[in-house]
Structure formats: C-alpha cells, structure tokens
Amino acid sequence: MNKKASPLKPVGVEKKITEEKLKAFERNLEKESEIYHDLFRLDDAITVKNVSYIEDQPKWVELPHRHFYHTVTSDGKSLDNSAPSAGHFHPVIMEKNEAGEVVSVKCGDPMVIHKGKSHPYKNDKHTHEVSYLTSEMVTKRTTNRDAIKVMQDMKSEENQAENAARGIYR
C-alpha cells in the first residue's frame, strides 16, 4: 500500500513540544543594553595642507589640528579610526590585557579615503600623542521594528511604482 503524502502535512514523525519547554521558552528579542564608551583626544600636531587651486603648483601650509577618538558608535560597534580633521584621519591601536582593561592607546599614521578605500596620506606622516578624556555607560541604540516595517512598505511601494512605469518607457 503506497499512500501519497498530503501537500499540507509534513511527512515523518511529528514531535510535540512539552508544556515545560513552552513555559521555559523565551524569545530572543533585541534588547537595550549598556556598553562602555571611552573618549580620547589625539592632541595638537602639525600637518601640511595644499591650499593651491593649481594642481601642479602646490602651496603647502603648516596646519595645527587635533582629532577625537570614540571607542564605539551608538550602535555599539567598535571604531578603529579617529574622527577626521584637516582632510585625514588616524587608525587608533588600542591594546587590552586579559581582563579587558586598556593598557595602551597609540595613534597610527594619517590616512585618507579615496574611492571608498583607506590610503596613506602621501604628503605627511605625523602622529599625535593620545590623551584620555572620559568614559561613560551609554545605552546601545536598538532597532525600532515599527520603523523598519514602514521603511519596507515604502520600499515595496517604490518598487511597484517603478515596475509599473517600466512598461511606459520601454
């Protein structure tokens, strides 16, 4: 006897979830959490900046500047670079011990972004002394599910309108 399986019912052994497992079930929702945010200052240093409008006739001017370095974003993601200043940024190298405590913070050579990628700043190799400013516990930003739904609905409407218009201009 060969029975055909119903397309609406799964084939195989059906397992029932016990009452204890249902009571112990806890949804894994994104929750607000607190994280450490540390703020450092890359102290004053001199860089050079080309202030000429004519590309093949550079006019280099010394420019004092500083940067700030935040260890995390509001999303809780770790940051590896300082904030930009004077057209460049610096990678920041933070060493921690086994307990997770900061042992040292060092400033790397200046970098620039070109076509979406980091490149060394070819006109200057200055670095900065790093000073610790403050630490605080901040609430990690969480995603608002209602906002995501609205954005998805809007994107869906845009796609539908684009598909409808596609037939007009073909």
C-alpha atoms as a PDB file:
ATOM      1  CA  MET A   1       0.000   0.000   0.000  1.00  0.00           C
ATOM      2  CA  ASN A   2       1.551   3.220  -1.131  1.00  0.00           C
ATOM      3  CA  LYS A   3      -0.066   6.315   0.331  1.00  0.00           C
ATOM      4  CA  LYS A   4       0.502   9.722  -1.187  1.00  0.00           C
ATOM      5  CA  ALA A   5       1.576  12.365   1.290  1.00  0.00           C
ATOM      6  CA  SER A   6      -0.746  15.311   1.637  1.00  0.00           C
ATOM      7  CA  PRO A   7       0.915  18.540   0.465  1.00  0.00           C
ATOM      8  CA  LEU A   8      -0.384  20.271   3.592  1.00  0.00           C
ATOM      9  CA  LYS A   9       1.042  17.843   6.159  1.00  0.00           C
ATOM     10  CA  PRO A  10       4.703  17.156   6.775  1.00  0.00           C
ATOM     11  CA  VAL A  11       5.960  13.650   6.148  1.00  0.00           C
ATOM     12  CA  GLY A  12       7.645  11.976   9.101  1.00  0.00           C
ATOM     13  CA  VAL A  13       7.286  11.860  12.829  1.00  0.00           C
ATOM     14  CA  GLU A  14       5.516  14.791  14.419  1.00  0.00           C
ATOM     15  CA  LYS A  15       7.100  15.939  17.663  1.00  0.00           C
ATOM     16  CA  LYS A  16       5.085  17.683  20.304  1.00  0.00           C
ATOM     17  CA  ILE A  17       6.609  20.393  22.443  1.00  0.00           C
ATOM     18  CA  THR A  18       6.162  19.717  26.123  1.00  0.00           C
ATOM     19  CA  GLU A  19       4.445  22.173  28.446  1.00  0.00           C
ATOM     20  CA  GLU A  20       7.723  22.649  30.370  1.00  0.00           C
ATOM     21  CA  LYS A  21       9.582  23.663  27.225  1.00  0.00           C
ATOM     22  CA  LEU A  22       6.815  26.084  26.276  1.00  0.00           C
ATOM     23  CA  LYS A  23       6.961  27.716  29.717  1.00  0.00           C
ATOM     24  CA  ALA A  24      10.768  27.914  29.537  1.00  0.00           C
ATOM     25  CA  PHE A  25      10.638  29.364  26.010  1.00  0.00           C
ATOM     26  CA  GLU A  26      11.948  32.905  25.900  1.00  0.00           C
ATOM     27  CA  ARG A  27      12.030  34.924  22.718  1.00  0.00           C
ATOM     28  CA  ASN A  28      15.431  36.228  21.743  1.00  0.00           C
ATOM     29  CA  LEU A  29      14.445  39.816  21.018  1.00  0.00           C
ATOM     30  CA  GLU A  30      16.873  42.649  20.555  1.00  0.00           C
ATOM     31  CA  LYS A  31      17.065  44.335  23.934  1.00  0.00           C
ATOM     32  CA  GLU A  32      18.532  47.591  25.072  1.00  0.00           C
ATOM     33  CA  SER A  33      21.906  47.089  26.655  1.00  0.00           C
ATOM     34  CA  GLU A  34      24.524  49.332  28.139  1.00  0.00           C
ATOM     35  CA  ILE A  35      28.076  49.468  26.839  1.00  0.00           C
ATOM     36  CA  TYR A  36      31.237  51.390  27.731  1.00  0.00           C
ATOM     37  CA  HIS A  37      32.073  54.384  25.572  1.00  0.00           C
ATOM     38  CA  ASP A  38      35.559  55.842  26.009  1.00  0.00           C
ATOM     39  CA  LEU A  39      36.595  59.189  24.567  1.00  0.00           C
ATOM     40  CA  PHE A  40      40.186  60.052  23.711  1.00  0.00           C
ATOM     41  CA  ARG A  41      41.752  63.156  22.188  1.00  0.00           C
ATOM     42  CA  LEU A  42      44.571  62.978  19.669  1.00  0.00           C
ATOM     43  CA  ASP A  43      46.478  66.044  20.894  1.00  0.00           C
ATOM     44  CA  ASP A  44      47.640  69.006  18.808  1.00  0.00           C
ATOM     45  CA  ALA A  45      50.058  68.208  15.979  1.00  0.00           C
ATOM     46  CA  ILE A  46      51.161  69.898  12.772  1.00  0.00           C
ATOM     47  CA  THR A  47      50.114  68.631   9.351  1.00  0.00           C
ATOM     48  CA  VAL A  48      50.638  70.137   5.919  1.00  0.00           C
ATOM     49  CA  LYS A  49      47.810  71.108   3.614  1.00  0.00           C
ATOM     50  CA  ASN A  50      47.899  72.138  -0.034  1.00  0.00           C
ATOM     51  CA  VAL A  51      45.970  75.420  -0.308  1.00  0.00           C
ATOM     52  CA  SER A  52      46.687  75.971  -4.023  1.00  0.00           C
ATOM     53  CA  TYR A  53      43.971  75.891  -6.669  1.00  0.00           C
ATOM     54  CA  ILE A  54      46.520  74.907  -9.310  1.00  0.00           C
ATOM     55  CA  GLU A  55      47.220  71.173  -9.115  1.00  0.00           C
ATOM     56  CA  ASP A  56      50.805  71.215 -10.440  1.00  0.00           C
ATOM     57  CA  GLN A  57      51.808  74.234  -8.275  1.00  0.00           C
ATOM     58  CA  PRO A  58      51.169  73.168  -4.671  1.00  0.00           C
ATOM     59  CA  LYS A  59      51.329  75.679  -1.818  1.00  0.00           C
ATOM     60  CA  TRP A  60      51.942  73.757   1.405  1.00  0.00           C
ATOM     61  CA  VAL A  61      50.869  75.395   4.652  1.00  0.00           C
ATOM     62  CA  GLU A  62      51.529  74.002   8.124  1.00  0.00           C
ATOM     63  CA  LEU A  63      48.271  73.482   9.966  1.00  0.00           C
ATOM     64  CA  PRO A  64      47.859  72.720  13.692  1.00  0.00           C
ATOM     65  CA  HIS A  65      44.950  70.370  14.374  1.00  0.00           C
ATOM     66  CA  ARG A  66      43.598  67.621  16.638  1.00  0.00           C
ATOM     67  CA  HIS A  67      41.205  64.673  16.426  1.00  0.00           C
ATOM     68  CA  PHE A  68      38.834  62.847  18.754  1.00  0.00           C
ATOM     69  CA  TYR A  69      38.515  59.088  19.039  1.00  0.00           C
ATOM     70  CA  HIS A  70      35.345  57.363  20.262  1.00  0.00           C
ATOM     71  CA  THR A  71      35.732  53.654  21.028  1.00  0.00           C
ATOM     72  CA  VAL A  72      32.199  52.712  19.875  1.00  0.00           C
ATOM     73  CA  THR A  73      29.326  54.007  17.755  1.00  0.00           C
ATOM     74  CA  SER A  74      25.811  54.496  19.076  1.00  0.00           C
ATOM     75  CA  ASP A  75      25.064  51.052  17.577  1.00  0.00           C
ATOM     76  CA  GLY A  76      27.717  49.540  19.866  1.00  0.00           C
ATOM     77  CA  LYS A  77      30.125  48.749  17.029  1.00  0.00           C
ATOM     78  CA  SER A  78      33.827  49.187  17.772  1.00  0.00           C
ATOM     79  CA  LEU A  79      35.616  52.000  15.987  1.00  0.00           C
ATOM     80  CA  ASP A  80      39.195  51.681  14.732  1.00  0.00           C
ATOM     81  CA  ASN A  81      39.731  55.228  13.449  1.00  0.00           C
ATOM     82  CA  SER A  82      39.683  58.758  14.816  1.00  0.00           C
ATOM     83  CA  ALA A  83      37.227  61.367  13.623  1.00  0.00           C
ATOM     84  CA  PRO A  84      38.554  63.201  10.536  1.00  0.00           C
ATOM     85  CA  SER A  85      40.198  66.598  10.764  1.00  0.00           C
ATOM     86  CA  ALA A  86      42.214  68.617   8.207  1.00  0.00           C
ATOM     87  CA  GLY A  87      41.263  66.145   5.471  1.00  0.00           C
ATOM     88  CA  HIS A  88      42.558  62.953   7.110  1.00  0.00           C
ATOM     89  CA  PHE A  89      42.042  60.526  10.000  1.00  0.00           C
ATOM     90  CA  HIS A  90      44.251  58.167  12.019  1.00  0.00           C
ATOM     91  CA  PRO A  91      43.887  54.490  12.855  1.00  0.00           C
ATOM     92  CA  VAL A  92      43.918  54.081  16.622  1.00  0.00           C
ATOM     93  CA  ILE A  93      45.558  50.976  18.075  1.00  0.00           C
ATOM     94  CA  MET A  94      44.202  50.015  21.487  1.00  0.00           C
ATOM     95  CA  GLU A  95      45.838  47.230  23.485  1.00  0.00           C
ATOM     96  CA  LYS A  96      43.931  45.487  26.279  1.00  0.00           C
ATOM     97  CA  ASN A  97      45.041  42.969  28.884  1.00  0.00           C
ATOM     98  CA  GLU A  98      43.342  39.623  29.581  1.00  0.00           C
ATOM     99  CA  ALA A  99      40.822  41.312  31.900  1.00  0.00           C
ATOM    100  CA  GLY A 100      39.763  43.656  29.058  1.00  0.00           C
ATOM    101  CA  GLU A 101      41.373  46.727  30.622  1.00  0.00           C
ATOM    102  CA  VAL A 102      43.027  49.262  28.319  1.00  0.00           C
ATOM    103  CA  VAL A 103      46.819  49.035  28.588  1.00  0.00           C
ATOM    104  CA  SER A 104      47.854  51.450  25.818  1.00  0.00           C
ATOM    105  CA  VAL A 105      46.392  53.594  23.061  1.00  0.00           C
ATOM    106  CA  LYS A 106      48.536  54.597  20.081  1.00  0.00           C
ATOM    107  CA  CYS A 107      47.938  56.804  17.061  1.00  0.00           C
ATOM    108  CA  GLY A 108      48.835  55.440  13.624  1.00  0.00           C
ATOM    109  CA  ASP A 109      49.982  57.329  10.523  1.00  0.00           C
ATOM    110  CA  PRO A 110      47.460  59.614   8.784  1.00  0.00           C
ATOM    111  CA  MET A 111      45.094  58.091   6.221  1.00  0.00           C
ATOM    112  CA  VAL A 112      42.677  59.473   3.625  1.00  0.00           C
ATOM    113  CA  ILE A 113      39.655  57.950   1.912  1.00  0.00           C
ATOM    114  CA  HIS A 114      39.829  57.724  -1.871  1.00  0.00           C
ATOM    115  CA  LYS A 115      37.169  55.889  -3.895  1.00  0.00           C
ATOM    116  CA  GLY A 116      35.808  54.319  -0.709  1.00  0.00           C
ATOM    117  CA  LYS A 117      39.139  52.858   0.452  1.00  0.00           C
ATOM    118  CA  SER A 118      41.712  53.970   3.016  1.00  0.00           C
ATOM    119  CA  HIS A 119      45.088  55.096   1.698  1.00  0.00           C
ATOM    120  CA  PRO A 120      48.166  56.557   3.433  1.00  0.00           C
ATOM    121  CA  TYR A 121      48.342  60.352   3.408  1.00  0.00           C
ATOM    122  CA  LYS A 122      51.259  60.765   0.984  1.00  0.00           C
ATOM    123  CA  ASN A 123      52.235  64.326   1.985  1.00  0.00           C
ATOM    124  CA  ASP A 124      52.749  63.827   5.706  1.00  0.00           C
ATOM    125  CA  LYS A 125      53.492  61.121   8.301  1.00  0.00           C
ATOM    126  CA  HIS A 126      52.678  62.950  11.557  1.00  0.00           C
ATOM    127  CA  THR A 127      51.160  61.232  14.573  1.00  0.00           C
ATOM    128  CA  HIS A 128      49.582  62.523  17.780  1.00  0.00           C
ATOM    129  CA  GLU A 129      50.023  61.957  21.474  1.00  0.00           C
ATOM    130  CA  VAL A 130      46.798  60.433  22.835  1.00  0.00           C
ATOM    131  CA  SER A 131      45.012  61.760  25.928  1.00  0.00           C
ATOM    132  CA  TYR A 132      42.200  60.019  27.757  1.00  0.00           C
ATOM    133  CA  LEU A 133      39.197  62.308  28.354  1.00  0.00           C
ATOM    134  CA  THR A 134      36.285  60.365  29.816  1.00  0.00           C
ATOM    135  CA  SER A 135      34.250  57.168  29.903  1.00  0.00           C
ATOM    136  CA  GLU A 136      30.538  56.632  30.245  1.00  0.00           C
ATOM    137  CA  MET A 137      27.946  53.909  30.073  1.00  0.00           C
ATOM    138  CA  VAL A 138      25.666  54.518  27.130  1.00  0.00           C
ATOM    139  CA  THR A 139      22.506  52.737  26.072  1.00  0.00           C
ATOM    140  CA  LYS A 140      23.138  50.846  22.882  1.00  0.00           C
ATOM    141  CA  ARG A 141      20.745  52.010  20.180  1.00  0.00           C
ATOM    142  CA  THR A 142      18.239  49.342  19.174  1.00  0.00           C
ATOM    143  CA  THR A 143      16.241  48.960  16.007  1.00  0.00           C
ATOM    144  CA  ASN A 144      12.650  50.129  16.083  1.00  0.00           C
ATOM    145  CA  ARG A 145      10.648  47.319  14.475  1.00  0.00           C
ATOM    146  CA  ASP A 146       7.767  49.661  13.538  1.00  0.00           C
ATOM    147  CA  ALA A 147      10.173  51.976  11.707  1.00  0.00           C
ATOM    148  CA  ILE A 148      11.653  49.037   9.803  1.00  0.00           C
ATOM    149  CA  LYS A 149       8.153  47.919   8.743  1.00  0.00           C
ATOM    150  CA  VAL A 150       7.316  51.426   7.488  1.00  0.00           C
ATOM    151  CA  MET A 151      10.598  51.600   5.535  1.00  0.00           C
ATOM    152  CA  GLN A 152       9.994  48.176   3.997  1.00  0.00           C
ATOM    153  CA  ASP A 153       6.443  49.187   2.997  1.00  0.00           C
ATOM    154  CA  MET A 154       7.740  52.404   1.414  1.00  0.00           C
ATOM    155  CA  LYS A 155      10.437  50.489  -0.500  1.00  0.00           C
ATOM    156  CA  SER A 156       7.800  47.996  -1.698  1.00  0.00           C
ATOM    157  CA  GLU A 157       5.603  50.857  -2.960  1.00  0.00           C
ATOM    158  CA  GLU A 158       8.598  52.414  -4.746  1.00  0.00           C
ATOM    159  CA  ASN A 159       9.394  49.099  -6.436  1.00  0.00           C
ATOM    160  CA  GLN A 160       5.767  48.651  -7.521  1.00  0.00           C
ATOM    161  CA  ALA A 161       5.658  52.170  -8.980  1.00  0.00           C
ATOM    162  CA  GLU A 162       8.978  51.629 -10.747  1.00  0.00           C
ATOM    163  CA  ASN A 163       7.759  48.330 -12.233  1.00  0.00           C
ATOM    164  CA  ALA A 164       4.521  49.976 -13.419  1.00  0.00           C
ATOM    165  CA  ALA A 165       6.453  52.858 -15.002  1.00  0.00           C
ATOM    166  CA  ARG A 166       8.862  50.444 -16.682  1.00  0.00           C
ATOM    167  CA  GLY A 167       6.107  49.400 -19.107  1.00  0.00           C
ATOM    168  CA  ILE A 168       5.521  53.025 -20.101  1.00  0.00           C
ATOM    169  CA  TYR A 169       9.063  53.938 -21.120  1.00  0.00           C
ATOM    170  CA  ARG A 170      10.161  50.684 -22.789  1.00  0.00           C
END
